[in-house]
Amino acid sequence: MTNGQINPPSPPTTFGVIFMGGESRRLGQEKASVELAGMTLLDRIVDRLSPQCAQLALSVRRAGDGLEGLDEVVDPVTEKPGGPLMGVLAALRWARGQGARFLLTSPVDTPFLPTDLADRLRAEMSGHRARSAVAVSRDRIHGLTALYGTDLLPDVERLVLQEDERMLQAFHLRIGSVPTVFATTPTDPFININTPEDLAAARALIGENPSS
């Protein structure tokens, strides 16, 4: 309270984690370093998510694989192999350990993420009294693009470590994630870059000359 006025409540703290993936054989390099319109895919994702998150970190396989200036969340593959869900588990542990209320996640290869991604997912969670929400476009669930309440950590530990859940879609069903549908016009915001053809299509969308 200042000068007799009641300040509005602070928004709940949201931390973000970007899943780095690894080297793409079809692209011939690590996805994070692929350039699009003069920026790497990693730089583009950081640029999109930074205004939506109080703090960002990178999900990596080995310490030192990330970017200077950002925290690293090391995928604990030595604890138990579990595919991308081990990365989700590690990210939740990190965010909860830092005192965040929410965790926003995204893969590094989705350069057109909505600038209101966190707000949209959080609104769906609130409206359905759910503890997680997952992005959907063109009837496809984007399992790594999601928002979690960090109080889900015990449930995720149980599902991943004790019950060996490894499938993202089944995982979201089991934790009750709310499907959050995003418009795909003029562009599907969850287009991802897996092949040279995908990269060429993304460049065409933003009017970049691939030879420049």
Protein backbone atom coordinates (compact mmCIF):
# COMPACT_ATOMS: atom_id res chain seq x y z
CA MET A 1 0.00 0.00 0.00
CA THR A 2 1.36 3.41 -1.01
CA ASN A 3 -0.22 6.82 -0.18
CA GLY A 4 -3.38 5.08 0.94
CA GLN A 5 -3.75 3.19 -2.33
CA ILE A 6 -3.86 -0.58 -2.57
CA ASN A 7 -1.41 -1.90 -5.12
CA PRO A 8 -2.74 -4.58 -7.48
CA PRO A 9 -1.54 -8.10 -6.70
CA SER A 10 1.62 -9.20 -8.44
CA PRO A 11 1.11 -11.74 -11.23
CA PRO A 12 2.04 -15.30 -10.29
CA THR A 13 5.67 -16.10 -10.96
CA THR A 14 6.23 -18.04 -14.17
CA PHE A 15 9.61 -19.53 -15.07
CA GLY A 16 10.36 -20.87 -18.52
CA VAL A 17 12.44 -23.76 -19.84
CA ILE A 18 13.46 -24.23 -23.48
CA PHE A 19 14.13 -27.78 -24.60
CA MET A 20 17.30 -27.63 -26.66
CA GLY A 21 17.07 -31.03 -28.32
CA GLY A 22 20.24 -32.11 -30.07
CA GLU A 23 21.87 -32.21 -33.45
CA SER A 24 19.45 -32.63 -36.32
CA ARG A 25 20.81 -35.00 -38.94
CA ARG A 26 18.41 -33.67 -41.54
CA LEU A 27 19.47 -30.08 -40.88
CA GLY A 28 23.13 -30.99 -40.47
CA GLN A 29 23.58 -28.97 -37.27
CA GLU A 30 22.07 -28.39 -33.85
CA LYS A 31 18.62 -26.87 -34.15
CA ALA A 32 19.41 -24.14 -31.64
CA SER A 33 22.07 -22.70 -33.95
CA VAL A 34 19.97 -22.73 -37.14
CA GLU A 35 19.54 -19.17 -38.42
CA LEU A 36 16.25 -17.63 -39.48
CA ALA A 37 16.08 -13.97 -40.52
CA GLY A 38 19.43 -13.18 -38.95
CA MET A 39 18.68 -14.82 -35.60
CA THR A 40 19.30 -18.32 -34.36
CA LEU A 41 16.26 -20.38 -33.42
CA LEU A 42 17.41 -20.21 -29.80
CA ASP A 43 17.65 -16.42 -29.90
CA ARG A 44 14.17 -16.21 -31.41
CA ILE A 45 12.65 -18.40 -28.69
CA VAL A 46 14.43 -16.46 -25.95
CA ASP A 47 13.12 -13.25 -27.52
CA ARG A 48 9.55 -14.63 -27.51
CA LEU A 49 9.57 -16.11 -24.02
CA SER A 50 11.61 -13.58 -22.03
CA PRO A 51 8.73 -11.07 -21.68
CA GLN A 52 6.45 -13.91 -20.53
CA CYS A 53 8.74 -15.40 -17.88
CA ALA A 54 10.49 -14.06 -14.80
CA GLN A 55 13.44 -16.33 -15.54
CA LEU A 56 14.48 -18.62 -18.39
CA ALA A 57 16.62 -21.74 -18.46
CA LEU A 58 17.71 -24.28 -21.05
CA SER A 59 17.06 -28.00 -20.81
CA VAL A 60 20.30 -29.67 -21.89
CA ARG A 61 21.78 -33.16 -21.89
CA ARG A 62 25.15 -32.07 -20.49
CA ALA A 63 26.24 -29.11 -18.42
CA GLY A 64 27.87 -26.53 -20.67
CA ASP A 65 25.64 -27.24 -23.67
CA GLY A 66 23.60 -24.10 -23.14
CA LEU A 67 23.99 -20.38 -23.66
CA GLU A 68 26.02 -18.05 -21.50
CA GLY A 69 23.75 -15.96 -19.31
CA LEU A 70 20.94 -18.53 -19.02
CA ASP A 71 20.56 -21.20 -16.36
CA GLU A 72 20.89 -24.83 -17.41
CA VAL A 73 18.57 -27.62 -16.36
CA VAL A 74 20.41 -30.86 -16.99
CA ASP A 75 18.20 -33.74 -18.16
CA PRO A 76 18.80 -36.46 -15.51
CA VAL A 77 19.09 -39.32 -18.00
CA THR A 78 21.40 -41.13 -15.60
CA GLU A 79 18.58 -41.33 -13.04
CA LYS A 80 16.28 -43.16 -15.41
CA PRO A 81 15.92 -42.94 -19.20
CA GLY A 82 12.51 -41.51 -19.99
CA GLY A 83 12.71 -39.41 -23.13
CA PRO A 84 11.36 -35.86 -23.10
CA LEU A 85 9.39 -36.41 -19.90
CA MET A 86 12.63 -36.62 -17.95
CA GLY A 87 13.33 -33.13 -19.24
CA VAL A 88 9.90 -31.98 -18.06
CA LEU A 89 10.57 -33.51 -14.65
CA ALA A 90 13.95 -31.80 -14.35
CA ALA A 91 12.41 -28.49 -15.40
CA LEU A 92 9.66 -28.76 -12.79
CA ARG A 93 12.21 -29.56 -10.10
CA TRP A 94 14.22 -26.49 -11.08
CA ALA A 95 11.23 -24.13 -11.24
CA ARG A 96 9.75 -25.32 -7.95
CA GLY A 97 13.14 -25.16 -6.28
CA GLN A 98 13.40 -21.52 -7.37
CA GLY A 99 9.99 -20.73 -5.87
CA ALA A 100 8.09 -20.29 -9.15
CA ARG A 101 4.36 -20.98 -9.19
CA PHE A 102 4.21 -21.90 -12.89
CA LEU A 103 6.53 -23.48 -15.44
CA LEU A 104 6.22 -22.67 -19.16
CA THR A 105 7.99 -25.04 -21.56
CA SER A 106 8.74 -25.00 -25.28
CA PRO A 107 11.04 -26.75 -27.74
CA VAL A 108 13.71 -24.63 -29.38
CA ASP A 109 12.51 -25.28 -32.94
CA THR A 110 9.20 -23.35 -32.84
CA PRO A 111 10.16 -19.82 -33.96
CA PHE A 112 6.63 -18.36 -34.21
CA LEU A 113 5.43 -18.91 -30.65
CA PRO A 114 2.55 -16.64 -29.54
CA THR A 115 3.60 -13.63 -27.51
CA ASP A 116 0.65 -14.31 -25.19
CA LEU A 117 1.34 -18.04 -24.82
CA ALA A 118 1.69 -18.02 -21.03
CA ASP A 119 -1.38 -15.82 -20.52
CA ARG A 120 -3.56 -17.99 -22.77
CA LEU A 121 -2.50 -21.22 -21.11
CA ARG A 122 -2.88 -19.75 -17.63
CA ALA A 123 -6.37 -18.47 -18.44
CA GLU A 124 -7.44 -21.96 -19.57
CA MET A 125 -6.00 -23.47 -16.41
CA SER A 126 -7.87 -20.97 -14.27
CA GLY A 127 -11.13 -21.39 -16.16
CA HIS A 128 -11.05 -25.17 -15.78
CA ARG A 129 -9.46 -25.21 -12.31
CA ALA A 130 -6.69 -27.35 -13.78
CA ARG A 131 -3.03 -27.55 -12.86
CA SER A 132 -1.68 -27.68 -16.41
CA ALA A 133 -2.55 -26.68 -19.97
CA VAL A 134 -1.11 -27.77 -23.31
CA ALA A 135 -1.05 -26.00 -26.68
CA VAL A 136 -3.13 -27.35 -29.57
CA SER A 137 -3.34 -26.32 -33.23
CA ARG A 138 -4.83 -28.07 -36.26
CA ASP A 139 -6.12 -30.80 -33.91
CA ARG A 140 -2.55 -31.61 -32.88
CA ILE A 141 -1.36 -31.57 -29.29
CA HIS A 142 2.04 -29.92 -28.92
CA GLY A 143 3.13 -31.84 -25.86
CA LEU A 144 6.30 -29.89 -25.10
CA THR A 145 4.55 -26.51 -25.32
CA ALA A 146 2.71 -26.39 -22.03
CA LEU A 147 2.20 -24.59 -18.74
CA TYR A 148 2.37 -26.45 -15.43
CA GLY A 149 1.64 -25.52 -11.87
CA THR A 150 4.79 -26.45 -10.00
CA ASP A 151 2.65 -28.17 -7.37
CA LEU A 152 2.37 -30.97 -9.96
CA LEU A 153 5.93 -32.06 -9.23
CA PRO A 154 5.04 -35.03 -6.95
CA ASP A 155 2.54 -36.33 -9.52
CA VAL A 156 5.06 -36.02 -12.35
CA GLU A 157 7.74 -37.78 -10.30
CA ARG A 158 5.35 -40.64 -9.66
CA LEU A 159 4.26 -40.95 -13.30
CA VAL A 160 7.74 -40.74 -14.78
CA LEU A 161 9.91 -42.46 -12.18
CA GLN A 162 7.54 -45.05 -10.69
CA GLU A 163 5.03 -45.74 -13.45
CA ASP A 164 7.43 -45.34 -16.39
CA GLU A 165 5.17 -43.02 -18.37
CA ARG A 166 7.04 -41.90 -21.49
CA MET A 167 4.36 -40.78 -23.95
CA LEU A 168 3.67 -37.04 -23.93
CA GLN A 169 0.05 -37.26 -25.03
CA ALA A 170 -0.80 -39.93 -22.44
CA PHE A 171 1.07 -37.91 -19.82
CA HIS A 172 -1.04 -34.81 -20.46
CA LEU A 173 -4.22 -36.87 -20.28
CA ARG A 174 -3.16 -38.36 -16.97
CA ILE A 175 -2.33 -35.04 -15.31
CA GLY A 176 -5.49 -33.41 -16.66
CA SER A 177 -3.90 -30.82 -18.94
CA VAL A 178 -6.45 -28.49 -20.55
CA PRO A 179 -6.12 -28.48 -24.37
CA THR A 180 -5.73 -24.84 -25.42
CA VAL A 181 -6.54 -24.24 -29.08
CA PHE A 182 -4.65 -21.51 -30.94
CA ALA A 183 -5.66 -20.02 -34.28
CA THR A 184 -3.55 -21.02 -37.29
CA THR A 185 -4.21 -17.98 -39.45
CA PRO A 186 -2.26 -16.31 -40.82
CA THR A 187 0.38 -18.74 -39.47
CA ASP A 188 0.33 -21.80 -37.26
CA PRO A 189 2.29 -20.52 -34.24
CA PHE A 190 3.66 -23.98 -33.50
CA ILE A 191 5.32 -24.70 -36.83
CA ASN A 192 8.56 -26.48 -36.03
CA ILE A 193 11.80 -26.78 -37.95
CA ASN A 194 12.86 -30.38 -38.57
CA THR A 195 14.03 -30.45 -42.18
CA PRO A 196 15.59 -28.15 -44.79
CA GLU A 197 12.11 -27.94 -46.33
CA ASP A 198 10.66 -26.75 -43.01
CA LEU A 199 13.37 -24.11 -42.79
CA ALA A 200 12.69 -22.93 -46.35
CA ALA A 201 8.97 -22.67 -45.58
CA ALA A 202 9.66 -20.65 -42.42
CA ARG A 203 11.93 -18.31 -44.37
CA ALA A 204 9.21 -17.84 -46.97
CA LEU A 205 6.71 -16.95 -44.26
CA ILE A 206 8.84 -14.06 -43.06
CA GLY A 207 9.99 -13.04 -46.53
CA GLU A 208 13.62 -14.01 -46.08
CA ASN A 209 15.73 -14.84 -49.11
CA PRO A 210 17.41 -18.18 -48.23
CA SER A 211 20.51 -17.18 -50.21
CA SER A 212 20.98 -13.93 -48.34
